[in-house]
Amino acid sequence: MARYKESVCRFCRRETTKLFLKGDRCYTDKCSVERRNFPPGQHGQGRAKKHTDYGVQLREKQKVRRIYGVLEKQFRNYIHLAEKRKGVTGENLLVLLESRLDNMVYRMGFSSSRSEARQLINHGHFRVNGRRVDVCSFRTKPGMVVEVLENSRTIKAIDDSVRTLSRRGIPDWLDVDVPNFRGVIKAMPTRDDLPPTIKEQLIVEFYSK
């Protein structure tokens, strides 16, 4: 799998908005967007460019890809699945992305970022319905129980994330028992539960060409 080894803060600066890719750091004054709110590179502070419709759609697609940490081929597959489902394609896409196990671990507060969640899952620190799962893209469903293995609850990354959970909060569609490192998916999120800053219709238009 492709792996980006440079600073992910460049992604936030490129999209000129916080993507919350660095965990707790994004909530402090050390955040790159707070300190340098312009695109990276030698021309980042130059005259603002006029974006075409294609450019606006591309930027929205890249922003959502980076938020959820999905590669281009994976993202296309999610688009195809969203088109086959009943309902609005854009909303279906967001629900599919939210249903990923790495996202659920992050939403439940057991990791400070989705990239950290992927590492913890790959190392086998989580169970779903009593069975260990080490696939980040595992698709969760309502009623499933996600929990941290007993021997993994003292891991510093998990402990630190739980301690700072109050900054992020827990979505209403999840029921998390923090002391027991256990969470239940009550339902999949609706569009009202997801960030209004995401304009999913632009992404659908991008792939419909």
N, C-alpha and C. Protein backbone atom coordinates (compact mmCIF):
# COMPACT_ATOMS: atom_id res chain seq x y z
N MET A 1 0.84 -1.20 0.00
CA MET A 1 0.00 0.00 0.00
C MET A 1 0.86 1.24 0.00
N ALA A 2 0.48 2.25 -0.76
CA ALA A 2 1.24 3.49 -0.81
C ALA A 2 1.22 4.17 0.55
N ARG A 3 2.33 4.81 0.89
CA ARG A 3 2.43 5.46 2.19
C ARG A 3 3.07 6.83 2.02
N TYR A 4 2.42 7.84 2.54
CA TYR A 4 2.93 9.21 2.46
C TYR A 4 3.79 9.46 3.69
N LYS A 5 5.06 9.83 3.50
CA LYS A 5 5.99 9.95 4.61
C LYS A 5 6.34 11.40 4.95
N GLU A 6 5.80 12.35 4.20
CA GLU A 6 6.07 13.75 4.50
C GLU A 6 5.06 14.28 5.53
N SER A 7 5.16 15.56 5.83
CA SER A 7 4.27 16.16 6.82
C SER A 7 2.84 16.23 6.29
N VAL A 8 1.89 15.65 7.04
CA VAL A 8 0.49 15.68 6.60
C VAL A 8 -0.12 17.06 6.81
N CYS A 9 0.57 17.91 7.56
CA CYS A 9 0.06 19.27 7.75
C CYS A 9 0.00 20.03 6.43
N ARG A 10 0.80 19.61 5.47
CA ARG A 10 0.75 20.22 4.14
C ARG A 10 -0.61 20.01 3.49
N PHE A 11 -1.25 18.87 3.77
CA PHE A 11 -2.57 18.60 3.22
C PHE A 11 -3.58 19.64 3.73
N CYS A 12 -3.52 19.91 5.01
CA CYS A 12 -4.45 20.90 5.59
C CYS A 12 -4.20 22.27 4.99
N ARG A 13 -2.95 22.63 4.85
CA ARG A 13 -2.63 23.95 4.28
C ARG A 13 -3.04 24.02 2.81
N ARG A 14 -2.90 22.91 2.10
CA ARG A 14 -3.29 22.91 0.68
C ARG A 14 -4.79 23.12 0.53
N GLU A 15 -5.57 22.54 1.45
CA GLU A 15 -7.02 22.70 1.39
C GLU A 15 -7.49 23.91 2.19
N THR A 16 -6.54 24.62 2.83
CA THR A 16 -6.80 25.82 3.64
C THR A 16 -7.90 25.60 4.68
N THR A 17 -7.93 24.40 5.25
CA THR A 17 -8.88 24.09 6.32
C THR A 17 -8.32 22.94 7.15
N LYS A 18 -8.76 22.83 8.38
CA LYS A 18 -8.29 21.76 9.24
C LYS A 18 -8.92 20.43 8.82
N LEU A 19 -8.07 19.44 8.60
CA LEU A 19 -8.53 18.09 8.28
C LEU A 19 -8.37 17.16 9.48
N PHE A 20 -7.79 17.67 10.56
CA PHE A 20 -7.60 16.93 11.80
C PHE A 20 -6.84 15.62 11.56
N LEU A 21 -5.66 15.76 10.95
CA LEU A 21 -4.83 14.62 10.62
C LEU A 21 -3.74 14.35 11.65
N LYS A 22 -3.53 15.31 12.58
CA LYS A 22 -2.45 15.17 13.56
C LYS A 22 -2.94 15.02 14.98
N GLY A 23 -4.17 14.60 15.14
CA GLY A 23 -4.67 14.34 16.48
C GLY A 23 -4.82 15.58 17.33
N ASP A 24 -4.33 15.51 18.56
CA ASP A 24 -4.52 16.59 19.53
C ASP A 24 -3.84 17.89 19.10
N ARG A 25 -2.81 17.79 18.31
CA ARG A 25 -2.08 18.98 17.85
C ARG A 25 -3.00 19.93 17.08
N CYS A 26 -3.98 19.39 16.38
CA CYS A 26 -4.87 20.21 15.56
C CYS A 26 -5.75 21.12 16.41
N TYR A 27 -5.86 20.85 17.71
CA TYR A 27 -6.69 21.66 18.59
C TYR A 27 -5.89 22.70 19.35
N THR A 28 -4.59 22.80 19.04
CA THR A 28 -3.72 23.76 19.72
C THR A 28 -3.27 24.85 18.76
N ASP A 29 -2.53 25.82 19.31
CA ASP A 29 -2.03 26.90 18.47
C ASP A 29 -0.82 26.47 17.63
N LYS A 30 -0.41 25.21 17.76
CA LYS A 30 0.67 24.68 16.93
C LYS A 30 0.17 24.23 15.56
N CYS A 31 -1.14 24.20 15.37
CA CYS A 31 -1.72 23.77 14.09
C CYS A 31 -1.18 24.62 12.95
N SER A 32 -0.77 23.96 11.88
CA SER A 32 -0.18 24.68 10.73
C SER A 32 -1.14 25.64 10.07
N VAL A 33 -2.43 25.28 10.04
CA VAL A 33 -3.41 26.16 9.41
C VAL A 33 -3.56 27.45 10.22
N GLU A 34 -3.41 27.35 11.54
CA GLU A 34 -3.50 28.53 12.40
C GLU A 34 -2.28 29.43 12.20
N ARG A 35 -1.13 28.83 11.99
CA ARG A 35 0.12 29.59 11.90
C ARG A 35 0.40 30.08 10.49
N ARG A 36 0.07 29.26 9.49
CA ARG A 36 0.35 29.62 8.09
C ARG A 36 -0.83 29.21 7.22
N ASN A 37 -1.83 30.02 7.20
CA ASN A 37 -3.06 29.69 6.49
C ASN A 37 -2.96 30.07 5.01
N PHE A 38 -2.03 29.41 4.34
CA PHE A 38 -1.88 29.57 2.89
C PHE A 38 -1.28 28.29 2.35
N PRO A 39 -1.48 28.00 1.06
CA PRO A 39 -0.98 26.74 0.49
C PRO A 39 0.53 26.62 0.62
N PRO A 40 1.06 25.39 0.73
CA PRO A 40 2.51 25.21 0.83
C PRO A 40 3.20 25.46 -0.50
N GLY A 41 4.52 25.58 -0.47
CA GLY A 41 5.28 25.80 -1.70
C GLY A 41 5.68 27.25 -1.87
N GLN A 42 6.59 27.48 -2.81
CA GLN A 42 7.13 28.83 -2.99
C GLN A 42 6.11 29.82 -3.55
N HIS A 43 5.04 29.31 -4.17
CA HIS A 43 4.02 30.20 -4.72
C HIS A 43 2.77 30.24 -3.84
N GLY A 44 2.87 29.68 -2.65
CA GLY A 44 1.71 29.58 -1.78
C GLY A 44 1.12 30.92 -1.38
N GLN A 45 1.98 31.94 -1.24
CA GLN A 45 1.51 33.25 -0.82
C GLN A 45 1.29 34.20 -2.01
N GLY A 46 1.35 33.64 -3.21
CA GLY A 46 1.14 34.45 -4.39
C GLY A 46 -0.31 34.85 -4.57
N ARG A 47 -0.60 35.46 -5.70
CA ARG A 47 -1.95 35.92 -5.98
C ARG A 47 -2.91 34.73 -6.05
N ALA A 48 -4.08 34.88 -5.45
CA ALA A 48 -5.06 33.81 -5.43
C ALA A 48 -5.48 33.42 -6.85
N LYS A 49 -5.53 32.13 -7.10
CA LYS A 49 -5.91 31.64 -8.42
C LYS A 49 -7.42 31.51 -8.54
N LYS A 50 -7.90 31.68 -9.76
CA LYS A 50 -9.31 31.48 -10.03
C LYS A 50 -9.51 30.02 -10.43
N HIS A 51 -10.32 29.31 -9.67
CA HIS A 51 -10.52 27.89 -9.93
C HIS A 51 -11.67 27.68 -10.92
N THR A 52 -11.47 26.75 -11.83
CA THR A 52 -12.54 26.34 -12.73
C THR A 52 -13.48 25.41 -11.96
N ASP A 53 -14.60 25.06 -12.57
CA ASP A 53 -15.52 24.11 -11.92
C ASP A 53 -14.81 22.79 -11.65
N TYR A 54 -14.00 22.36 -12.61
CA TYR A 54 -13.24 21.12 -12.44
C TYR A 54 -12.29 21.24 -11.25
N GLY A 55 -11.62 22.38 -11.14
CA GLY A 55 -10.67 22.59 -10.06
C GLY A 55 -11.34 22.55 -8.70
N VAL A 56 -12.52 23.14 -8.59
CA VAL A 56 -13.26 23.13 -7.32
C VAL A 56 -13.67 21.71 -6.95
N GLN A 57 -14.14 20.96 -7.95
CA GLN A 57 -14.55 19.57 -7.70
C GLN A 57 -13.35 18.71 -7.30
N LEU A 58 -12.23 18.93 -7.97
CA LEU A 58 -11.01 18.17 -7.65
C LEU A 58 -10.55 18.43 -6.22
N ARG A 59 -10.56 19.68 -5.82
CA ARG A 59 -10.12 20.03 -4.46
C ARG A 59 -11.03 19.39 -3.41
N GLU A 60 -12.33 19.35 -3.68
CA GLU A 60 -13.26 18.74 -2.72
C GLU A 60 -13.01 17.23 -2.62
N LYS A 61 -12.77 16.61 -3.76
CA LYS A 61 -12.48 15.18 -3.77
C LYS A 61 -11.20 14.88 -2.99
N GLN A 62 -10.17 15.65 -3.24
CA GLN A 62 -8.90 15.46 -2.55
C GLN A 62 -9.05 15.69 -1.05
N LYS A 63 -9.84 16.68 -0.67
CA LYS A 63 -10.04 16.98 0.74
C LYS A 63 -10.67 15.80 1.47
N VAL A 64 -11.72 15.23 0.90
CA VAL A 64 -12.41 14.11 1.54
C VAL A 64 -11.53 12.87 1.55
N ARG A 65 -10.80 12.64 0.48
CA ARG A 65 -9.86 11.51 0.44
C ARG A 65 -8.85 11.60 1.57
N ARG A 66 -8.35 12.80 1.80
CA ARG A 66 -7.32 12.98 2.82
C ARG A 66 -7.90 12.92 4.23
N ILE A 67 -9.11 13.37 4.39
CA ILE A 67 -9.75 13.28 5.71
C ILE A 67 -9.85 11.83 6.15
N TYR A 68 -10.29 10.97 5.24
CA TYR A 68 -10.51 9.56 5.59
C TYR A 68 -9.30 8.67 5.29
N GLY A 69 -8.26 9.23 4.69
CA GLY A 69 -7.06 8.46 4.42
C GLY A 69 -7.24 7.33 3.43
N VAL A 70 -7.95 7.62 2.34
CA VAL A 70 -8.27 6.60 1.34
C VAL A 70 -7.52 6.88 0.05
N LEU A 71 -6.99 5.85 -0.56
CA LEU A 71 -6.29 6.00 -1.83
C LEU A 71 -7.29 6.19 -2.97
N GLU A 72 -6.78 6.63 -4.10
CA GLU A 72 -7.65 6.96 -5.23
C GLU A 72 -8.47 5.75 -5.72
N LYS A 73 -7.83 4.61 -5.85
CA LYS A 73 -8.54 3.42 -6.33
C LYS A 73 -9.63 3.01 -5.33
N GLN A 74 -9.31 3.06 -4.05
CA GLN A 74 -10.31 2.75 -3.03
C GLN A 74 -11.48 3.73 -3.10
N PHE A 75 -11.14 5.00 -3.29
CA PHE A 75 -12.18 6.03 -3.32
C PHE A 75 -13.12 5.81 -4.50
N ARG A 76 -12.57 5.43 -5.64
CA ARG A 76 -13.40 5.14 -6.81
C ARG A 76 -14.35 3.96 -6.53
N ASN A 77 -13.82 2.97 -5.85
CA ASN A 77 -14.66 1.82 -5.50
C ASN A 77 -15.83 2.23 -4.61
N TYR A 78 -15.56 3.13 -3.67
CA TYR A 78 -16.63 3.62 -2.80
C TYR A 78 -17.67 4.40 -3.60
N ILE A 79 -17.23 5.15 -4.59
CA ILE A 79 -18.15 5.89 -5.46
C ILE A 79 -19.07 4.90 -6.20
N HIS A 80 -18.48 3.84 -6.74
CA HIS A 80 -19.28 2.84 -7.48
C HIS A 80 -20.29 2.16 -6.55
N LEU A 81 -19.87 1.86 -5.33
CA LEU A 81 -20.80 1.25 -4.37
C LEU A 81 -21.91 2.21 -4.00
N ALA A 82 -21.57 3.47 -3.83
CA ALA A 82 -22.57 4.48 -3.48
C ALA A 82 -23.60 4.66 -4.58
N GLU A 83 -23.16 4.55 -5.84
CA GLU A 83 -24.08 4.69 -6.97
C GLU A 83 -25.07 3.54 -7.04
N LYS A 84 -24.65 2.36 -6.61
CA LYS A 84 -25.52 1.18 -6.68
C LYS A 84 -26.56 1.16 -5.58
N ARG A 85 -26.31 1.90 -4.51
CA ARG A 85 -27.24 1.90 -3.37
C ARG A 85 -28.40 2.84 -3.62
N LYS A 86 -29.51 2.55 -2.96
CA LYS A 86 -30.65 3.45 -3.05
C LYS A 86 -30.36 4.73 -2.27
N GLY A 87 -30.93 5.82 -2.74
CA GLY A 87 -30.74 7.09 -2.05
C GLY A 87 -29.82 8.02 -2.81
N VAL A 88 -29.35 9.05 -2.12
CA VAL A 88 -28.49 10.07 -2.72
C VAL A 88 -27.06 9.55 -2.75
N THR A 89 -26.43 9.58 -3.91
CA THR A 89 -25.09 9.01 -4.07
C THR A 89 -24.08 9.65 -3.14
N GLY A 90 -24.09 10.97 -3.04
CA GLY A 90 -23.13 11.67 -2.20
C GLY A 90 -23.25 11.29 -0.74
N GLU A 91 -24.47 11.21 -0.25
CA GLU A 91 -24.68 10.82 1.14
C GLU A 91 -24.30 9.36 1.36
N ASN A 92 -24.59 8.51 0.39
CA ASN A 92 -24.19 7.10 0.48
C ASN A 92 -22.67 6.98 0.58
N LEU A 93 -21.97 7.81 -0.17
CA LEU A 93 -20.50 7.80 -0.15
C LEU A 93 -19.98 8.12 1.25
N LEU A 94 -20.51 9.16 1.86
CA LEU A 94 -20.05 9.56 3.18
C LEU A 94 -20.34 8.49 4.23
N VAL A 95 -21.50 7.85 4.12
CA VAL A 95 -21.85 6.79 5.07
C VAL A 95 -20.90 5.60 4.92
N LEU A 96 -20.54 5.26 3.68
CA LEU A 96 -19.60 4.17 3.45
C LEU A 96 -18.23 4.48 4.05
N LEU A 97 -17.79 5.72 3.90
CA LEU A 97 -16.50 6.12 4.47
C LEU A 97 -16.55 6.11 6.00
N GLU A 98 -17.67 6.55 6.54
CA GLU A 98 -17.82 6.57 8.00
C GLU A 98 -17.89 5.16 8.57
N SER A 99 -18.32 4.18 7.78
CA SER A 99 -18.50 2.82 8.29
C SER A 99 -17.19 2.05 8.37
N ARG A 100 -16.11 2.61 7.85
CA ARG A 100 -14.80 1.95 7.93
C ARG A 100 -14.39 1.78 9.40
N LEU A 101 -13.73 0.68 9.70
CA LEU A 101 -13.34 0.40 11.08
C LEU A 101 -12.37 1.45 11.61
N ASP A 102 -11.42 1.91 10.78
CA ASP A 102 -10.48 2.92 11.28
C ASP A 102 -11.20 4.21 11.67
N ASN A 103 -12.24 4.56 10.92
CA ASN A 103 -13.01 5.74 11.27
C ASN A 103 -13.79 5.53 12.57
N MET A 104 -14.36 4.34 12.75
CA MET A 104 -15.11 4.05 13.97
C MET A 104 -14.22 4.11 15.20
N VAL A 105 -13.02 3.56 15.09
CA VAL A 105 -12.07 3.62 16.21
C VAL A 105 -11.76 5.07 16.56
N TYR A 106 -11.58 5.89 15.54
CA TYR A 106 -11.31 7.32 15.75
C TYR A 106 -12.52 8.01 16.36
N ARG A 107 -13.70 7.77 15.83
CA ARG A 107 -14.92 8.41 16.33
C ARG A 107 -15.21 8.01 17.78
N MET A 108 -14.87 6.78 18.14
CA MET A 108 -15.12 6.32 19.51
C MET A 108 -14.10 6.85 20.50
N GLY A 109 -13.03 7.46 19.99
CA GLY A 109 -12.05 8.08 20.87
C GLY A 109 -10.89 7.20 21.27
N PHE A 110 -10.73 6.04 20.61
CA PHE A 110 -9.65 5.13 20.96
C PHE A 110 -8.36 5.46 20.21
N SER A 111 -8.40 6.44 19.35
CA SER A 111 -7.20 6.94 18.67
C SER A 111 -7.38 8.43 18.44
N SER A 112 -6.29 9.15 18.34
CA SER A 112 -6.36 10.60 18.18
C SER A 112 -6.51 11.03 16.73
N SER A 113 -6.29 10.11 15.81
CA SER A 113 -6.45 10.41 14.38
C SER A 113 -6.76 9.12 13.64
N ARG A 114 -7.21 9.24 12.42
CA ARG A 114 -7.53 8.03 11.64
C ARG A 114 -6.27 7.28 11.25
N SER A 115 -5.18 8.00 11.00
CA SER A 115 -3.92 7.32 10.65
C SER A 115 -3.40 6.52 11.84
N GLU A 116 -3.55 7.07 13.04
CA GLU A 116 -3.16 6.33 14.23
C GLU A 116 -4.06 5.11 14.42
N ALA A 117 -5.35 5.27 14.13
CA ALA A 117 -6.28 4.14 14.22
C ALA A 117 -5.88 3.03 13.27
N ARG A 118 -5.46 3.39 12.06
CA ARG A 118 -5.04 2.36 11.09
C ARG A 118 -3.85 1.57 11.60
N GLN A 119 -2.91 2.26 12.22
CA GLN A 119 -1.73 1.55 12.75
C GLN A 119 -2.12 0.60 13.88
N LEU A 120 -2.98 1.07 14.77
CA LEU A 120 -3.41 0.23 15.89
C LEU A 120 -4.20 -0.99 15.41
N ILE A 121 -5.05 -0.78 14.40
CA ILE A 121 -5.83 -1.90 13.86
C ILE A 121 -4.92 -2.91 13.17
N ASN A 122 -3.97 -2.41 12.39
CA ASN A 122 -3.03 -3.31 11.70
C ASN A 122 -2.25 -4.18 12.67
N HIS A 123 -2.02 -3.66 13.88
CA HIS A 123 -1.27 -4.41 14.89
C HIS A 123 -2.18 -5.30 15.73
N GLY A 124 -3.47 -5.33 15.38
CA GLY A 124 -4.38 -6.28 16.01
C GLY A 124 -4.82 -5.95 17.42
N HIS A 125 -5.05 -4.66 17.70
CA HIS A 125 -5.43 -4.25 19.06
C HIS A 125 -6.94 -4.15 19.27
N PHE A 126 -7.75 -4.51 18.26
CA PHE A 126 -9.20 -4.34 18.39
C PHE A 126 -9.96 -5.62 18.02
N ARG A 127 -11.12 -5.74 18.66
CA ARG A 127 -12.06 -6.81 18.35
C ARG A 127 -13.37 -6.20 17.88
N VAL A 128 -14.02 -6.89 16.95
CA VAL A 128 -15.37 -6.51 16.50
C VAL A 128 -16.27 -7.71 16.74
N ASN A 129 -17.28 -7.52 17.58
CA ASN A 129 -18.18 -8.63 17.95
C ASN A 129 -17.40 -9.83 18.49
N GLY A 130 -16.36 -9.54 19.28
CA GLY A 130 -15.59 -10.59 19.92
C GLY A 130 -14.51 -11.22 19.08
N ARG A 131 -14.38 -10.78 17.83
CA ARG A 131 -13.39 -11.36 16.92
C ARG A 131 -12.35 -10.32 16.54
N ARG A 132 -11.08 -10.68 16.65
CA ARG A 132 -10.02 -9.73 16.32
C ARG A 132 -10.04 -9.41 14.83
N VAL A 133 -9.95 -8.11 14.52
CA VAL A 133 -9.96 -7.64 13.13
C VAL A 133 -8.76 -6.74 12.92
N ASP A 134 -7.99 -6.99 11.86
CA ASP A 134 -6.81 -6.17 11.57
C ASP A 134 -6.88 -5.54 10.17
N VAL A 135 -8.11 -5.39 9.68
CA VAL A 135 -8.32 -4.78 8.35
C VAL A 135 -8.98 -3.42 8.55
N CYS A 136 -8.27 -2.36 8.19
CA CYS A 136 -8.76 -0.99 8.44
C CYS A 136 -10.05 -0.68 7.68
N SER A 137 -10.21 -1.25 6.50
CA SER A 137 -11.38 -0.96 5.67
C SER A 137 -12.57 -1.84 6.02
N PHE A 138 -12.45 -2.66 7.05
CA PHE A 138 -13.56 -3.50 7.47
C PHE A 138 -14.81 -2.66 7.65
N ARG A 139 -15.92 -3.09 7.01
CA ARG A 139 -17.13 -2.27 7.02
C ARG A 139 -18.02 -2.65 8.22
N THR A 140 -18.19 -1.71 9.11
CA THR A 140 -19.01 -1.95 10.30
C THR A 140 -20.48 -1.69 10.00
N LYS A 141 -21.34 -2.23 10.88
CA LYS A 141 -22.79 -2.09 10.72
C LYS A 141 -23.42 -1.80 12.07
N PRO A 142 -24.65 -1.26 12.05
CA PRO A 142 -25.34 -1.01 13.32
C PRO A 142 -25.46 -2.28 14.16
N GLY A 143 -25.23 -2.14 15.46
CA GLY A 143 -25.30 -3.28 16.36
C GLY A 143 -23.96 -3.91 16.67
N MET A 144 -22.95 -3.61 15.85
CA MET A 144 -21.63 -4.19 16.08
C MET A 144 -20.96 -3.55 17.30
N VAL A 145 -20.16 -4.36 17.97
CA VAL A 145 -19.43 -3.91 19.16
C VAL A 145 -17.94 -3.86 18.84
N VAL A 146 -17.34 -2.70 19.06
CA VAL A 146 -15.90 -2.52 18.84
C VAL A 146 -15.25 -2.31 20.20
N GLU A 147 -14.21 -3.09 20.49
CA GLU A 147 -13.56 -2.96 21.79
C GLU A 147 -12.05 -3.16 21.67
N VAL A 148 -11.34 -2.56 22.61
CA VAL A 148 -9.89 -2.69 22.67
C VAL A 148 -9.55 -3.97 23.44
N LEU A 149 -8.59 -4.72 22.95
CA LEU A 149 -8.16 -5.93 23.64
C LEU A 149 -7.66 -5.58 25.04
N GLU A 150 -7.87 -6.48 25.98
CA GLU A 150 -7.49 -6.22 27.37
C GLU A 150 -6.01 -5.86 27.51
N ASN A 151 -5.15 -6.58 26.83
CA ASN A 151 -3.71 -6.33 26.94
C ASN A 151 -3.26 -5.06 26.23
N SER A 152 -4.17 -4.48 25.42
CA SER A 152 -3.80 -3.29 24.65
C SER A 152 -4.27 -1.99 25.29
N ARG A 153 -5.00 -2.08 26.38
CA ARG A 153 -5.61 -0.88 26.97
C ARG A 153 -4.62 0.03 27.67
N THR A 154 -3.41 -0.46 27.91
CA THR A 154 -2.37 0.37 28.54
C THR A 154 -1.45 1.01 27.51
N ILE A 155 -1.70 0.79 26.23
CA ILE A 155 -0.87 1.42 25.19
C ILE A 155 -0.99 2.94 25.30
N LYS A 156 0.11 3.62 25.26
CA LYS A 156 0.13 5.07 25.49
C LYS A 156 -0.75 5.83 24.50
N ALA A 157 -0.71 5.45 23.24
CA ALA A 157 -1.49 6.15 22.22
C ALA A 157 -2.99 6.07 22.52
N ILE A 158 -3.45 4.89 22.92
CA ILE A 158 -4.87 4.71 23.25
C ILE A 158 -5.22 5.46 24.52
N ASP A 159 -4.36 5.36 25.54
CA ASP A 159 -4.62 6.03 26.81
C ASP A 159 -4.65 7.54 26.63
N ASP A 160 -3.71 8.09 25.87
CA ASP A 160 -3.67 9.54 25.65
C ASP A 160 -4.90 10.02 24.89
N SER A 161 -5.34 9.21 23.92
CA SER A 161 -6.50 9.59 23.14
C SER A 161 -7.76 9.64 24.00
N VAL A 162 -7.92 8.64 24.85
CA VAL A 162 -9.09 8.59 25.74
C VAL A 162 -9.09 9.78 26.69
N ARG A 163 -7.91 10.18 27.16
CA ARG A 163 -7.80 11.30 28.10
C ARG A 163 -8.21 12.63 27.45
N THR A 164 -7.99 12.77 26.15
CA THR A 164 -8.31 14.02 25.45
C THR A 164 -9.60 13.93 24.64
N LEU A 165 -10.39 12.91 24.92
CA LEU A 165 -11.63 12.69 24.17
C LEU A 165 -12.60 13.85 24.29
N SER A 166 -12.58 14.55 25.41
CA SER A 166 -13.53 15.64 25.64
C SER A 166 -13.40 16.74 24.60
N ARG A 167 -12.24 16.89 23.98
CA ARG A 167 -12.06 17.92 22.95
C ARG A 167 -12.86 17.60 21.70
N ARG A 168 -12.95 16.30 21.36
CA ARG A 168 -13.62 15.91 20.13
C ARG A 168 -15.08 15.56 20.37
N GLY A 169 -15.35 14.91 21.49
CA GLY A 169 -16.71 14.47 21.77
C GLY A 169 -17.03 13.17 21.04
N ILE A 170 -18.14 12.56 21.41
CA ILE A 170 -18.58 11.31 20.81
C ILE A 170 -19.89 11.53 20.06
N PRO A 171 -20.00 11.12 18.81
CA PRO A 171 -21.24 11.30 18.04
C PRO A 171 -22.43 10.62 18.71
N ASP A 172 -23.63 11.15 18.48
CA ASP A 172 -24.84 10.60 19.09
C ASP A 172 -25.17 9.20 18.59
N TRP A 173 -24.67 8.85 17.39
CA TRP A 173 -25.00 7.54 16.83
C TRP A 173 -24.08 6.43 17.33
N LEU A 174 -23.21 6.78 18.30
CA LEU A 174 -22.34 5.79 18.92
C LEU A 174 -22.59 5.77 20.42
N ASP A 175 -22.48 4.60 21.01
CA ASP A 175 -22.60 4.45 22.46
C ASP A 175 -21.28 3.89 22.97
N VAL A 176 -20.50 4.73 23.65
CA VAL A 176 -19.15 4.35 24.05
C VAL A 176 -19.05 4.24 25.56
N ASP A 177 -18.57 3.09 26.00
CA ASP A 177 -18.29 2.84 27.42
C ASP A 177 -16.78 3.05 27.60
N VAL A 178 -16.39 4.29 27.89
CA VAL A 178 -14.98 4.65 27.92
C VAL A 178 -14.19 3.85 28.95
N PRO A 179 -14.65 3.71 30.21
CA PRO A 179 -13.86 2.96 31.20
C PRO A 179 -13.57 1.52 30.78
N ASN A 180 -14.48 0.92 30.01
CA ASN A 180 -14.29 -0.47 29.57
C ASN A 180 -13.76 -0.58 28.14
N PHE A 181 -13.40 0.58 27.54
CA PHE A 181 -12.81 0.60 26.20
C PHE A 181 -13.67 -0.17 25.21
N ARG A 182 -14.94 0.17 25.19
CA ARG A 182 -15.90 -0.58 24.38
C ARG A 182 -16.93 0.37 23.79
N GLY A 183 -17.27 0.17 22.53
CA GLY A 183 -18.25 1.02 21.88
C GLY A 183 -19.23 0.22 21.03
N VAL A 184 -20.47 0.69 20.98
CA VAL A 184 -21.51 0.03 20.19
C VAL A 184 -22.00 1.01 19.12
N ILE A 185 -22.15 0.52 17.92
CA ILE A 185 -22.66 1.35 16.83
C ILE A 185 -24.18 1.28 16.86
N LYS A 186 -24.81 2.35 17.30
CA LYS A 186 -26.27 2.36 17.41
C LYS A 186 -26.92 2.49 16.04
N ALA A 187 -26.32 3.26 15.16
CA ALA A 187 -26.88 3.47 13.82
C ALA A 187 -25.80 4.09 12.95
N MET A 188 -26.00 4.04 11.65
CA MET A 188 -25.12 4.76 10.75
C MET A 188 -25.50 6.24 10.76
N PRO A 189 -24.54 7.13 10.60
CA PRO A 189 -24.86 8.56 10.65
C PRO A 189 -25.72 9.01 9.48
N THR A 190 -26.55 10.00 9.72
CA THR A 190 -27.31 10.66 8.65
C THR A 190 -26.48 11.85 8.17
N ARG A 191 -26.95 12.48 7.13
CA ARG A 191 -26.20 13.63 6.60
C ARG A 191 -26.09 14.75 7.63
N ASP A 192 -27.10 14.92 8.46
CA ASP A 192 -27.07 15.98 9.46
C ASP A 192 -26.01 15.73 10.53
N ASP A 193 -25.58 14.48 10.66
CA ASP A 193 -24.58 14.14 11.67
C ASP A 193 -23.16 14.39 11.19
N LEU A 194 -22.98 14.64 9.91
CA LEU A 194 -21.66 14.77 9.32
C LEU A 194 -21.31 16.23 9.05
N PRO A 195 -20.01 16.53 8.92
CA PRO A 195 -19.57 17.93 8.77
C PRO A 195 -20.24 18.65 7.59
N PRO A 196 -20.81 19.83 7.84
CA PRO A 196 -21.43 20.59 6.74
C PRO A 196 -20.41 21.18 5.77
N THR A 197 -19.13 21.17 6.17
CA THR A 197 -18.09 21.72 5.29
C THR A 197 -17.79 20.82 4.10
N ILE A 198 -18.23 19.55 4.16
CA ILE A 198 -18.03 18.64 3.03
C ILE A 198 -19.16 18.81 2.03
N LYS A 199 -18.79 19.07 0.78
CA LYS A 199 -19.78 19.24 -0.30
C LYS A 199 -19.69 18.02 -1.22
N GLU A 200 -20.36 16.97 -0.80
CA GLU A 200 -20.24 15.68 -1.49
C GLU A 200 -20.78 15.71 -2.92
N GLN A 201 -21.69 16.63 -3.23
CA GLN A 201 -22.24 16.70 -4.57
C GLN A 201 -21.16 17.06 -5.59
N LEU A 202 -20.18 17.85 -5.16
CA LEU A 202 -19.08 18.21 -6.06
C LEU A 202 -18.26 16.97 -6.42
N ILE A 203 -18.13 16.05 -5.48
CA ILE A 203 -17.37 14.82 -5.73
C ILE A 203 -18.12 13.94 -6.73
N VAL A 204 -19.43 13.85 -6.56
CA VAL A 204 -20.25 13.05 -7.49
C VAL A 204 -20.14 13.63 -8.89
N GLU A 205 -20.19 14.95 -8.99
CA GLU A 205 -20.06 15.61 -10.30
C GLU A 205 -18.70 15.37 -10.91
N PHE A 206 -17.66 15.32 -10.07
CA PHE A 206 -16.30 15.09 -10.57
C PHE A 206 -16.20 13.73 -11.26
N TYR A 207 -16.79 12.70 -10.66
CA TYR A 207 -16.68 11.34 -11.20
C TYR A 207 -17.73 11.04 -12.27
N SER A 208 -18.68 11.92 -12.43
CA SER A 208 -19.74 11.67 -13.43
C SER A 208 -19.33 12.12 -14.82
N LYS A 209 -18.17 12.73 -14.96
CA LYS A 209 -17.73 13.22 -16.27
C LYS A 209 -17.17 12.10 -17.12
